[in-house]
N, C-alpha and C. Protein backbone atom coordinates (compact mmCIF):
# COMPACT_ATOMS: atom_id res chain seq x y z
N MET A 1 50.48 -4.72 -49.69
CA MET A 1 50.32 -3.44 -50.32
C MET A 1 51.72 -2.87 -50.55
N ARG A 2 51.88 -2.27 -51.66
CA ARG A 2 53.17 -1.69 -51.99
C ARG A 2 53.28 -0.31 -51.40
N ARG A 3 54.52 0.08 -51.24
CA ARG A 3 54.73 1.43 -50.72
C ARG A 3 54.20 2.45 -51.69
N GLY A 4 53.56 3.46 -51.08
CA GLY A 4 53.04 4.53 -51.90
C GLY A 4 51.60 4.30 -52.33
N GLU A 5 51.10 3.07 -52.21
CA GLU A 5 49.71 2.81 -52.55
C GLU A 5 48.83 3.14 -51.35
N LYS A 6 47.68 3.68 -51.63
CA LYS A 6 46.76 4.05 -50.57
C LYS A 6 45.55 3.14 -50.62
N GLY A 7 44.90 2.92 -49.40
CA GLY A 7 43.71 2.09 -49.35
C GLY A 7 43.81 1.07 -48.22
N PHE A 8 42.85 0.17 -48.19
CA PHE A 8 42.77 -0.84 -47.14
C PHE A 8 43.02 -2.22 -47.74
N THR A 9 43.58 -3.07 -46.91
CA THR A 9 43.74 -4.45 -47.35
C THR A 9 42.43 -5.19 -47.12
N VAL A 10 42.30 -6.35 -47.73
CA VAL A 10 41.09 -7.15 -47.59
C VAL A 10 40.90 -7.56 -46.13
N ILE A 11 41.97 -7.90 -45.45
CA ILE A 11 41.89 -8.30 -44.04
C ILE A 11 41.35 -7.15 -43.20
N GLU A 12 41.81 -5.94 -43.43
CA GLU A 12 41.33 -4.78 -42.67
C GLU A 12 39.83 -4.55 -42.91
N VAL A 13 39.39 -4.70 -44.13
CA VAL A 13 37.98 -4.49 -44.46
C VAL A 13 37.12 -5.58 -43.81
N VAL A 14 37.56 -6.84 -43.86
CA VAL A 14 36.81 -7.94 -43.27
C VAL A 14 36.72 -7.76 -41.76
N LEU A 15 37.83 -7.41 -41.11
CA LEU A 15 37.82 -7.19 -39.66
C LEU A 15 36.89 -6.03 -39.28
N THR A 16 36.93 -4.97 -40.03
CA THR A 16 36.07 -3.82 -39.75
C THR A 16 34.60 -4.20 -39.90
N CYS A 17 34.26 -4.95 -40.94
CA CYS A 17 32.87 -5.39 -41.13
C CYS A 17 32.42 -6.31 -40.00
N ALA A 18 33.30 -7.21 -39.57
CA ALA A 18 32.96 -8.14 -38.48
C ALA A 18 32.71 -7.38 -37.18
N ILE A 19 33.57 -6.42 -36.87
CA ILE A 19 33.40 -5.61 -35.65
C ILE A 19 32.10 -4.80 -35.73
N ALA A 20 31.82 -4.21 -36.88
CA ALA A 20 30.58 -3.43 -37.05
C ALA A 20 29.35 -4.33 -36.89
N ALA A 21 29.41 -5.55 -37.41
CA ALA A 21 28.28 -6.47 -37.29
C ALA A 21 28.05 -6.86 -35.84
N VAL A 22 29.12 -7.13 -35.10
CA VAL A 22 28.99 -7.49 -33.69
C VAL A 22 28.40 -6.32 -32.91
N LEU A 23 28.93 -5.12 -33.12
CA LEU A 23 28.41 -3.94 -32.41
C LEU A 23 26.95 -3.68 -32.77
N GLY A 24 26.59 -3.85 -34.03
CA GLY A 24 25.21 -3.63 -34.45
C GLY A 24 24.25 -4.63 -33.82
N SER A 25 24.65 -5.90 -33.78
CA SER A 25 23.76 -6.90 -33.19
C SER A 25 23.63 -6.71 -31.68
N VAL A 26 24.71 -6.34 -31.01
CA VAL A 26 24.65 -6.09 -29.56
C VAL A 26 23.74 -4.90 -29.27
N SER A 27 23.88 -3.84 -30.04
CA SER A 27 23.03 -2.66 -29.79
C SER A 27 21.57 -2.96 -30.11
N THR A 28 21.30 -3.74 -31.15
CA THR A 28 19.93 -4.11 -31.47
C THR A 28 19.31 -4.95 -30.36
N MET A 29 20.06 -5.93 -29.84
CA MET A 29 19.55 -6.74 -28.74
C MET A 29 19.29 -5.88 -27.50
N SER A 30 20.16 -4.93 -27.24
CA SER A 30 19.97 -4.04 -26.09
C SER A 30 18.70 -3.21 -26.23
N ILE A 31 18.46 -2.72 -27.43
CA ILE A 31 17.26 -1.90 -27.66
C ILE A 31 16.00 -2.74 -27.45
N PHE A 32 15.97 -3.96 -28.00
CA PHE A 32 14.80 -4.82 -27.82
C PHE A 32 14.60 -5.20 -26.36
N GLN A 33 15.68 -5.48 -25.65
CA GLN A 33 15.57 -5.82 -24.24
C GLN A 33 15.04 -4.64 -23.44
N THR A 34 15.51 -3.45 -23.74
CA THR A 34 15.04 -2.24 -23.06
C THR A 34 13.55 -2.03 -23.33
N MET A 35 13.13 -2.24 -24.57
CA MET A 35 11.72 -2.06 -24.90
C MET A 35 10.86 -3.08 -24.16
N ARG A 36 11.34 -4.33 -24.05
CA ARG A 36 10.59 -5.35 -23.31
C ARG A 36 10.49 -5.00 -21.84
N SER A 37 11.59 -4.52 -21.24
CA SER A 37 11.53 -4.18 -19.82
C SER A 37 10.66 -2.96 -19.57
N VAL A 38 10.65 -2.01 -20.48
CA VAL A 38 9.78 -0.84 -20.31
C VAL A 38 8.32 -1.29 -20.35
N SER A 39 8.00 -2.18 -21.28
CA SER A 39 6.63 -2.68 -21.38
C SER A 39 6.23 -3.43 -20.11
N ALA A 40 7.12 -4.27 -19.59
CA ALA A 40 6.83 -5.01 -18.35
C ALA A 40 6.68 -4.05 -17.18
N SER A 41 7.53 -3.02 -17.13
CA SER A 41 7.44 -2.04 -16.05
C SER A 41 6.13 -1.27 -16.12
N GLU A 42 5.71 -0.91 -17.32
CA GLU A 42 4.45 -0.19 -17.48
C GLU A 42 3.28 -1.06 -17.04
N SER A 43 3.28 -2.33 -17.40
CA SER A 43 2.21 -3.23 -16.98
C SER A 43 2.18 -3.37 -15.46
N HIS A 44 3.36 -3.49 -14.87
CA HIS A 44 3.46 -3.59 -13.41
C HIS A 44 2.91 -2.32 -12.75
N LEU A 45 3.31 -1.16 -13.26
CA LEU A 45 2.85 0.11 -12.68
C LEU A 45 1.34 0.28 -12.83
N VAL A 46 0.79 -0.14 -13.96
CA VAL A 46 -0.67 -0.05 -14.16
C VAL A 46 -1.38 -0.93 -13.14
N ALA A 47 -0.90 -2.16 -12.96
CA ALA A 47 -1.54 -3.08 -12.01
C ALA A 47 -1.47 -2.52 -10.59
N VAL A 48 -0.31 -2.01 -10.19
CA VAL A 48 -0.16 -1.46 -8.84
C VAL A 48 -1.05 -0.24 -8.66
N ARG A 49 -1.12 0.61 -9.67
CA ARG A 49 -1.94 1.83 -9.57
C ARG A 49 -3.42 1.47 -9.42
N GLN A 50 -3.88 0.45 -10.11
CA GLN A 50 -5.28 0.02 -9.98
C GLN A 50 -5.56 -0.45 -8.56
N LEU A 51 -4.63 -1.20 -7.98
CA LEU A 51 -4.80 -1.66 -6.59
C LEU A 51 -4.83 -0.49 -5.63
N GLN A 52 -3.97 0.50 -5.86
CA GLN A 52 -3.95 1.67 -4.99
C GLN A 52 -5.25 2.46 -5.10
N ASN A 53 -5.77 2.62 -6.31
CA ASN A 53 -7.04 3.33 -6.49
C ASN A 53 -8.16 2.63 -5.73
N ALA A 54 -8.27 1.33 -5.91
CA ALA A 54 -9.33 0.57 -5.23
C ALA A 54 -9.16 0.65 -3.72
N GLY A 55 -7.94 0.48 -3.23
CA GLY A 55 -7.69 0.56 -1.79
C GLY A 55 -8.02 1.92 -1.22
N ASN A 56 -7.74 2.97 -1.98
CA ASN A 56 -8.04 4.33 -1.54
C ASN A 56 -9.54 4.54 -1.40
N TRP A 57 -10.31 4.13 -2.41
CA TRP A 57 -11.76 4.32 -2.35
C TRP A 57 -12.39 3.50 -1.23
N ILE A 58 -11.99 2.24 -1.12
CA ILE A 58 -12.57 1.38 -0.09
C ILE A 58 -12.20 1.90 1.30
N GLY A 59 -10.95 2.28 1.50
CA GLY A 59 -10.52 2.81 2.80
C GLY A 59 -11.28 4.06 3.19
N ARG A 60 -11.52 4.92 2.23
CA ARG A 60 -12.27 6.16 2.48
C ARG A 60 -13.69 5.85 2.95
N ASP A 61 -14.33 4.90 2.29
CA ASP A 61 -15.70 4.56 2.64
C ASP A 61 -15.79 3.79 3.96
N VAL A 62 -14.83 2.93 4.23
CA VAL A 62 -14.84 2.16 5.48
C VAL A 62 -14.74 3.09 6.68
N GLN A 63 -14.03 4.20 6.54
CA GLN A 63 -13.88 5.14 7.65
C GLN A 63 -15.21 5.70 8.12
N THR A 64 -16.19 5.77 7.25
CA THR A 64 -17.50 6.31 7.65
C THR A 64 -18.55 5.22 7.86
N ALA A 65 -18.22 3.99 7.53
CA ALA A 65 -19.21 2.91 7.58
C ALA A 65 -19.60 2.54 9.00
N GLU A 66 -20.89 2.30 9.17
CA GLU A 66 -21.42 1.76 10.43
C GLU A 66 -21.68 0.27 10.29
N ASN A 67 -22.05 -0.15 9.09
CA ASN A 67 -22.33 -1.56 8.82
C ASN A 67 -21.48 -2.01 7.63
N ILE A 68 -20.89 -3.18 7.76
CA ILE A 68 -20.05 -3.75 6.71
C ILE A 68 -20.59 -5.13 6.38
N VAL A 69 -20.91 -5.35 5.11
CA VAL A 69 -21.47 -6.63 4.68
C VAL A 69 -20.52 -7.25 3.64
N VAL A 70 -20.02 -8.44 3.96
CA VAL A 70 -19.16 -9.16 3.01
C VAL A 70 -19.65 -10.59 2.76
N ASP A 71 -20.51 -11.10 3.64
CA ASP A 71 -20.96 -12.48 3.53
C ASP A 71 -22.29 -12.58 2.78
N ASN A 72 -22.46 -13.68 2.07
CA ASN A 72 -23.70 -14.01 1.37
C ASN A 72 -24.13 -12.95 0.37
N LEU A 73 -23.17 -12.31 -0.28
CA LEU A 73 -23.50 -11.33 -1.31
C LEU A 73 -23.70 -12.04 -2.64
N GLU A 74 -24.67 -11.57 -3.39
CA GLU A 74 -24.92 -12.14 -4.70
C GLU A 74 -23.99 -11.50 -5.72
N TYR A 75 -23.50 -12.35 -6.65
CA TYR A 75 -22.66 -11.85 -7.73
C TYR A 75 -23.41 -10.78 -8.49
N PRO A 76 -22.83 -9.66 -8.82
CA PRO A 76 -21.42 -9.30 -8.82
C PRO A 76 -20.99 -8.48 -7.60
N ASN A 77 -21.85 -8.39 -6.57
CA ASN A 77 -21.51 -7.57 -5.40
C ASN A 77 -20.29 -8.12 -4.68
N PHE A 78 -19.42 -7.19 -4.25
CA PHE A 78 -18.15 -7.53 -3.64
C PHE A 78 -18.09 -7.07 -2.19
N LEU A 79 -18.71 -5.92 -1.91
CA LEU A 79 -18.67 -5.32 -0.58
C LEU A 79 -19.79 -4.29 -0.48
N ILE A 80 -20.50 -4.27 0.67
CA ILE A 80 -21.55 -3.27 0.90
C ILE A 80 -21.27 -2.58 2.22
N LEU A 81 -21.29 -1.25 2.19
CA LEU A 81 -21.05 -0.43 3.38
C LEU A 81 -22.23 0.52 3.54
N THR A 82 -22.72 0.68 4.77
CA THR A 82 -23.82 1.62 5.02
C THR A 82 -23.50 2.47 6.24
N TRP A 83 -24.08 3.66 6.27
CA TRP A 83 -23.95 4.54 7.42
C TRP A 83 -25.07 5.58 7.40
N THR A 84 -25.25 6.20 8.55
CA THR A 84 -26.27 7.24 8.71
C THR A 84 -25.58 8.54 9.02
N GLU A 85 -25.93 9.55 8.26
CA GLU A 85 -25.41 10.90 8.49
C GLU A 85 -26.48 11.64 9.30
N GLN A 86 -26.17 11.89 10.56
CA GLN A 86 -27.15 12.49 11.47
C GLN A 86 -27.36 13.97 11.14
N ASP A 87 -28.60 14.39 11.27
CA ASP A 87 -28.95 15.79 11.12
C ASP A 87 -29.21 16.32 12.52
N TYR A 88 -28.22 17.01 13.08
CA TYR A 88 -28.33 17.45 14.47
C TYR A 88 -29.18 18.70 14.62
N ILE A 89 -29.53 19.33 13.52
CA ILE A 89 -30.38 20.52 13.58
C ILE A 89 -31.85 20.12 13.46
N GLY A 90 -32.14 19.27 12.51
CA GLY A 90 -33.52 18.80 12.31
C GLY A 90 -33.60 17.32 12.62
N ASP A 91 -34.64 16.72 12.16
CA ASP A 91 -34.83 15.29 12.39
C ASP A 91 -34.79 14.50 11.08
N ASP A 92 -33.92 14.90 10.17
CA ASP A 92 -33.86 14.25 8.87
C ASP A 92 -32.48 13.64 8.62
N PRO A 93 -32.20 12.48 9.22
CA PRO A 93 -30.90 11.85 8.94
C PRO A 93 -30.84 11.38 7.48
N VAL A 94 -29.64 11.31 6.95
CA VAL A 94 -29.43 10.84 5.58
C VAL A 94 -28.79 9.46 5.65
N TYR A 95 -29.40 8.51 4.98
CA TYR A 95 -28.91 7.13 4.97
C TYR A 95 -28.10 6.90 3.70
N HIS A 96 -26.88 6.38 3.87
CA HIS A 96 -25.97 6.16 2.75
C HIS A 96 -25.69 4.67 2.59
N ALA A 97 -25.51 4.24 1.36
CA ALA A 97 -25.08 2.87 1.05
C ALA A 97 -24.07 2.93 -0.09
N VAL A 98 -22.95 2.25 0.09
CA VAL A 98 -21.95 2.13 -0.97
C VAL A 98 -21.79 0.65 -1.28
N THR A 99 -21.96 0.33 -2.54
CA THR A 99 -21.81 -1.05 -2.99
C THR A 99 -20.66 -1.12 -3.98
N TYR A 100 -19.71 -1.99 -3.69
CA TYR A 100 -18.63 -2.28 -4.63
C TYR A 100 -18.99 -3.56 -5.36
N PHE A 101 -18.87 -3.54 -6.67
CA PHE A 101 -19.20 -4.72 -7.47
C PHE A 101 -18.25 -4.81 -8.65
N ILE A 102 -18.07 -6.03 -9.12
CA ILE A 102 -17.16 -6.27 -10.24
C ILE A 102 -18.00 -6.55 -11.47
N GLU A 103 -17.74 -5.79 -12.52
CA GLU A 103 -18.57 -5.83 -13.72
C GLU A 103 -17.73 -6.20 -14.94
N GLY A 104 -18.37 -6.81 -15.90
CA GLY A 104 -17.73 -7.10 -17.18
C GLY A 104 -16.60 -8.10 -17.09
N ILE A 105 -16.78 -9.13 -16.29
CA ILE A 105 -15.70 -10.10 -16.11
C ILE A 105 -15.53 -10.95 -17.36
N SER A 106 -14.30 -10.99 -17.84
CA SER A 106 -13.94 -11.83 -18.98
C SER A 106 -12.59 -12.46 -18.66
N GLY A 107 -12.55 -13.76 -18.60
CA GLY A 107 -11.31 -14.44 -18.26
C GLY A 107 -10.88 -14.18 -16.83
N GLY A 108 -11.84 -13.89 -15.96
CA GLY A 108 -11.53 -13.62 -14.55
C GLY A 108 -11.14 -12.19 -14.28
N ILE A 109 -11.11 -11.34 -15.30
CA ILE A 109 -10.70 -9.94 -15.13
C ILE A 109 -11.89 -9.03 -15.41
N GLY A 110 -12.17 -8.13 -14.45
CA GLY A 110 -13.29 -7.22 -14.61
C GLY A 110 -12.96 -5.84 -14.05
N THR A 111 -13.97 -5.00 -13.99
CA THR A 111 -13.83 -3.64 -13.51
C THR A 111 -14.52 -3.51 -12.16
N LEU A 112 -13.79 -3.02 -11.16
CA LEU A 112 -14.37 -2.79 -9.84
C LEU A 112 -15.06 -1.43 -9.86
N LYS A 113 -16.36 -1.45 -9.62
CA LYS A 113 -17.14 -0.20 -9.64
C LYS A 113 -17.69 0.08 -8.26
N ARG A 114 -17.99 1.35 -8.03
CA ARG A 114 -18.50 1.83 -6.75
C ARG A 114 -19.81 2.57 -7.02
N ASN A 115 -20.87 2.14 -6.32
CA ASN A 115 -22.15 2.83 -6.41
C ASN A 115 -22.47 3.41 -5.04
N HIS A 116 -22.68 4.73 -4.99
CA HIS A 116 -23.05 5.41 -3.75
C HIS A 116 -24.47 5.92 -3.91
N SER A 117 -25.36 5.47 -3.04
CA SER A 117 -26.74 5.96 -3.05
C SER A 117 -27.08 6.47 -1.66
N SER A 118 -28.05 7.39 -1.61
CA SER A 118 -28.46 7.93 -0.32
C SER A 118 -29.96 8.19 -0.32
N SER A 119 -30.49 8.43 0.87
CA SER A 119 -31.92 8.68 1.00
C SER A 119 -32.32 10.03 0.42
N THR A 120 -31.36 10.86 0.06
CA THR A 120 -31.67 12.14 -0.57
C THR A 120 -31.82 12.00 -2.08
N GLY A 121 -31.62 10.78 -2.59
CA GLY A 121 -31.78 10.55 -4.02
C GLY A 121 -30.47 10.47 -4.77
N ALA A 122 -29.36 10.62 -4.09
CA ALA A 122 -28.06 10.51 -4.77
C ALA A 122 -27.88 9.09 -5.30
N ASP A 123 -27.34 8.98 -6.48
CA ASP A 123 -27.04 7.68 -7.07
C ASP A 123 -25.85 7.87 -8.00
N GLU A 124 -24.66 7.68 -7.45
CA GLU A 124 -23.42 7.96 -8.18
C GLU A 124 -22.66 6.66 -8.43
N ASN A 125 -22.22 6.50 -9.66
CA ASN A 125 -21.40 5.35 -10.03
C ASN A 125 -20.04 5.86 -10.48
N LEU A 126 -19.00 5.14 -10.10
CA LEU A 126 -17.67 5.45 -10.61
C LEU A 126 -16.85 4.18 -10.69
N ILE A 127 -15.80 4.25 -11.47
CA ILE A 127 -14.90 3.11 -11.61
C ILE A 127 -13.80 3.25 -10.57
N ALA A 128 -13.72 2.28 -9.67
CA ALA A 128 -12.69 2.30 -8.63
C ALA A 128 -11.38 1.72 -9.17
N ALA A 129 -11.45 0.72 -10.04
CA ALA A 129 -10.24 0.12 -10.60
C ALA A 129 -10.58 -0.76 -11.79
N TYR A 130 -9.69 -0.75 -12.77
CA TYR A 130 -9.78 -1.65 -13.92
C TYR A 130 -8.94 -2.89 -13.64
N SER A 131 -9.07 -3.89 -14.46
CA SER A 131 -8.20 -5.07 -14.47
C SER A 131 -8.16 -5.82 -13.14
N MET A 132 -9.29 -5.89 -12.45
CA MET A 132 -9.33 -6.62 -11.18
C MET A 132 -9.59 -8.11 -11.46
N TYR A 133 -8.83 -8.95 -10.79
CA TYR A 133 -8.97 -10.39 -10.95
C TYR A 133 -9.97 -10.91 -9.93
N TYR A 134 -11.04 -11.53 -10.44
CA TYR A 134 -12.09 -12.07 -9.57
C TYR A 134 -12.58 -13.36 -10.20
N HIS A 135 -12.23 -14.47 -9.57
CA HIS A 135 -12.61 -15.78 -10.10
C HIS A 135 -12.98 -16.68 -8.93
N LEU A 136 -14.25 -17.02 -8.81
CA LEU A 136 -14.72 -17.82 -7.69
C LEU A 136 -14.09 -19.21 -7.65
N GLY A 137 -13.62 -19.71 -8.78
CA GLY A 137 -12.97 -21.01 -8.83
C GLY A 137 -11.52 -20.98 -8.36
N ASP A 138 -11.02 -19.81 -8.02
CA ASP A 138 -9.63 -19.65 -7.56
C ASP A 138 -9.64 -18.89 -6.24
N PRO A 139 -10.13 -19.49 -5.15
CA PRO A 139 -10.28 -18.76 -3.89
C PRO A 139 -8.96 -18.25 -3.31
N ALA A 140 -7.85 -18.92 -3.59
CA ALA A 140 -6.57 -18.47 -3.03
C ALA A 140 -5.99 -17.29 -3.80
N GLY A 141 -6.31 -17.17 -5.08
CA GLY A 141 -5.69 -16.14 -5.89
C GLY A 141 -6.59 -14.99 -6.28
N THR A 142 -7.86 -15.04 -5.92
CA THR A 142 -8.80 -14.03 -6.38
C THR A 142 -8.96 -12.89 -5.38
N SER A 143 -9.53 -11.79 -5.83
CA SER A 143 -9.87 -10.69 -4.93
C SER A 143 -10.95 -11.18 -3.98
N SER A 144 -10.85 -10.77 -2.71
CA SER A 144 -11.82 -11.25 -1.71
C SER A 144 -11.92 -10.27 -0.55
N THR A 145 -12.95 -10.46 0.27
CA THR A 145 -13.15 -9.66 1.47
C THR A 145 -13.48 -10.57 2.64
N SER A 146 -13.11 -10.13 3.83
CA SER A 146 -13.54 -10.82 5.05
C SER A 146 -13.65 -9.77 6.15
N TYR A 147 -14.57 -10.01 7.07
CA TYR A 147 -14.80 -9.03 8.14
C TYR A 147 -14.91 -9.76 9.46
N GLN A 148 -14.03 -9.39 10.38
CA GLN A 148 -14.11 -9.85 11.76
C GLN A 148 -14.02 -8.59 12.60
N ASP A 149 -15.16 -8.21 13.14
CA ASP A 149 -15.32 -6.94 13.85
C ASP A 149 -14.12 -6.66 14.75
N PRO A 150 -13.44 -5.56 14.62
CA PRO A 150 -13.71 -4.38 13.80
C PRO A 150 -12.87 -4.30 12.52
N VAL A 151 -12.21 -5.37 12.11
CA VAL A 151 -11.25 -5.28 11.00
C VAL A 151 -11.86 -5.85 9.71
N LEU A 152 -11.86 -5.02 8.67
CA LEU A 152 -12.22 -5.45 7.33
C LEU A 152 -10.92 -5.74 6.59
N THR A 153 -10.79 -6.95 6.07
CA THR A 153 -9.61 -7.32 5.29
C THR A 153 -10.04 -7.47 3.84
N VAL A 154 -9.36 -6.75 2.97
CA VAL A 154 -9.68 -6.78 1.55
C VAL A 154 -8.43 -7.20 0.79
N LYS A 155 -8.55 -8.29 0.06
CA LYS A 155 -7.46 -8.73 -0.81
C LYS A 155 -7.85 -8.36 -2.23
N LEU A 156 -7.01 -7.57 -2.87
CA LEU A 156 -7.27 -7.13 -4.23
C LEU A 156 -6.18 -7.67 -5.15
N CYS A 157 -6.60 -8.18 -6.29
CA CYS A 157 -5.66 -8.72 -7.28
C CYS A 157 -5.93 -8.02 -8.61
N SER A 158 -4.84 -7.63 -9.28
CA SER A 158 -4.97 -6.95 -10.56
C SER A 158 -4.03 -7.60 -11.57
N ILE A 159 -4.51 -7.75 -12.79
CA ILE A 159 -3.70 -8.31 -13.86
C ILE A 159 -3.71 -7.30 -15.00
N SER A 160 -2.51 -6.88 -15.40
CA SER A 160 -2.38 -5.94 -16.52
C SER A 160 -1.24 -6.44 -17.40
N GLY A 161 -1.56 -6.84 -18.61
CA GLY A 161 -0.53 -7.41 -19.48
C GLY A 161 0.03 -8.67 -18.85
N ASP A 162 1.34 -8.71 -18.67
CA ASP A 162 1.98 -9.87 -18.04
C ASP A 162 2.13 -9.68 -16.53
N ALA A 163 1.75 -8.52 -16.02
CA ALA A 163 1.93 -8.23 -14.59
C ALA A 163 0.73 -8.73 -13.79
N ASN A 164 1.02 -9.40 -12.70
CA ASN A 164 -0.01 -9.92 -11.79
C ASN A 164 0.37 -9.44 -10.40
N GLU A 165 -0.41 -8.52 -9.85
CA GLU A 165 -0.11 -7.94 -8.54
C GLU A 165 -1.27 -8.15 -7.59
N SER A 166 -0.97 -8.26 -6.31
CA SER A 166 -2.03 -8.33 -5.31
C SER A 166 -1.59 -7.56 -4.07
N ARG A 167 -2.57 -7.03 -3.38
CA ARG A 167 -2.34 -6.31 -2.13
C ARG A 167 -3.43 -6.70 -1.15
N THR A 168 -3.08 -6.77 0.12
CA THR A 168 -4.06 -7.04 1.16
C THR A 168 -4.11 -5.82 2.06
N TYR A 169 -5.30 -5.27 2.20
CA TYR A 169 -5.52 -4.09 3.03
C TYR A 169 -6.34 -4.49 4.25
N SER A 170 -6.01 -3.92 5.39
CA SER A 170 -6.82 -4.09 6.60
C SER A 170 -7.33 -2.72 7.01
N PHE A 171 -8.63 -2.61 7.15
CA PHE A 171 -9.26 -1.34 7.48
C PHE A 171 -10.03 -1.48 8.79
N VAL A 172 -9.97 -0.44 9.59
CA VAL A 172 -10.76 -0.38 10.82
C VAL A 172 -11.61 0.88 10.73
N PRO A 173 -12.95 0.74 10.82
CA PRO A 173 -13.80 1.93 10.75
C PRO A 173 -13.50 2.88 11.90
N ARG A 174 -13.75 4.14 11.65
CA ARG A 174 -13.59 5.15 12.68
C ARG A 174 -14.60 4.90 13.79
N PRO A 175 -14.22 5.09 15.05
CA PRO A 175 -15.20 4.91 16.14
C PRO A 175 -16.37 5.86 15.98
N ASP A 176 -17.52 5.43 16.43
CA ASP A 176 -18.73 6.24 16.33
C ASP A 176 -18.80 7.19 17.52
N PHE A 177 -18.57 8.46 17.25
CA PHE A 177 -18.64 9.46 18.31
C PHE A 177 -20.00 10.13 18.27
N GLN A 178 -20.82 9.87 19.26
CA GLN A 178 -22.14 10.48 19.36
C GLN A 178 -22.07 11.62 20.37
N PRO A 179 -22.62 12.78 20.05
CA PRO A 179 -22.60 13.89 21.02
C PRO A 179 -23.58 13.66 22.15
């Protein structure tokens, strides 16, 4: 370039374009990587939250249970808990039964539901957790229950997106205090 002329040389323009292209591709890759990790984190959090919901409901019911049934249950039943609510004023005890069952299984993934019924006519259904993994052909990796008095062990597995989480809970029913 001659003295007094203004502007950029071809080399300066080429270098500037090359640097801009490198910075643009690096920032684009960073954005895509961040979006992938956010999606994976969300799937992981959903799976963990489902396990926590199921563990919370089961733990709450086990605390009041007098009878725990885990063996020889017919599909889709997963766990049955029963107890008697004594009526210390009259002679009308209330009998309760809570049944956990897995419904709508597709590809080994279903919804864990809770049914609470009582001798007073109550019949309540709710969803304890979505995305529960239950596959009888995979005994090591599936959700399961076992009971050895007084400990109920519940293994729960949840799959959400690419996230596969499992938790094992051990519950001990509250002692039966009779007046």
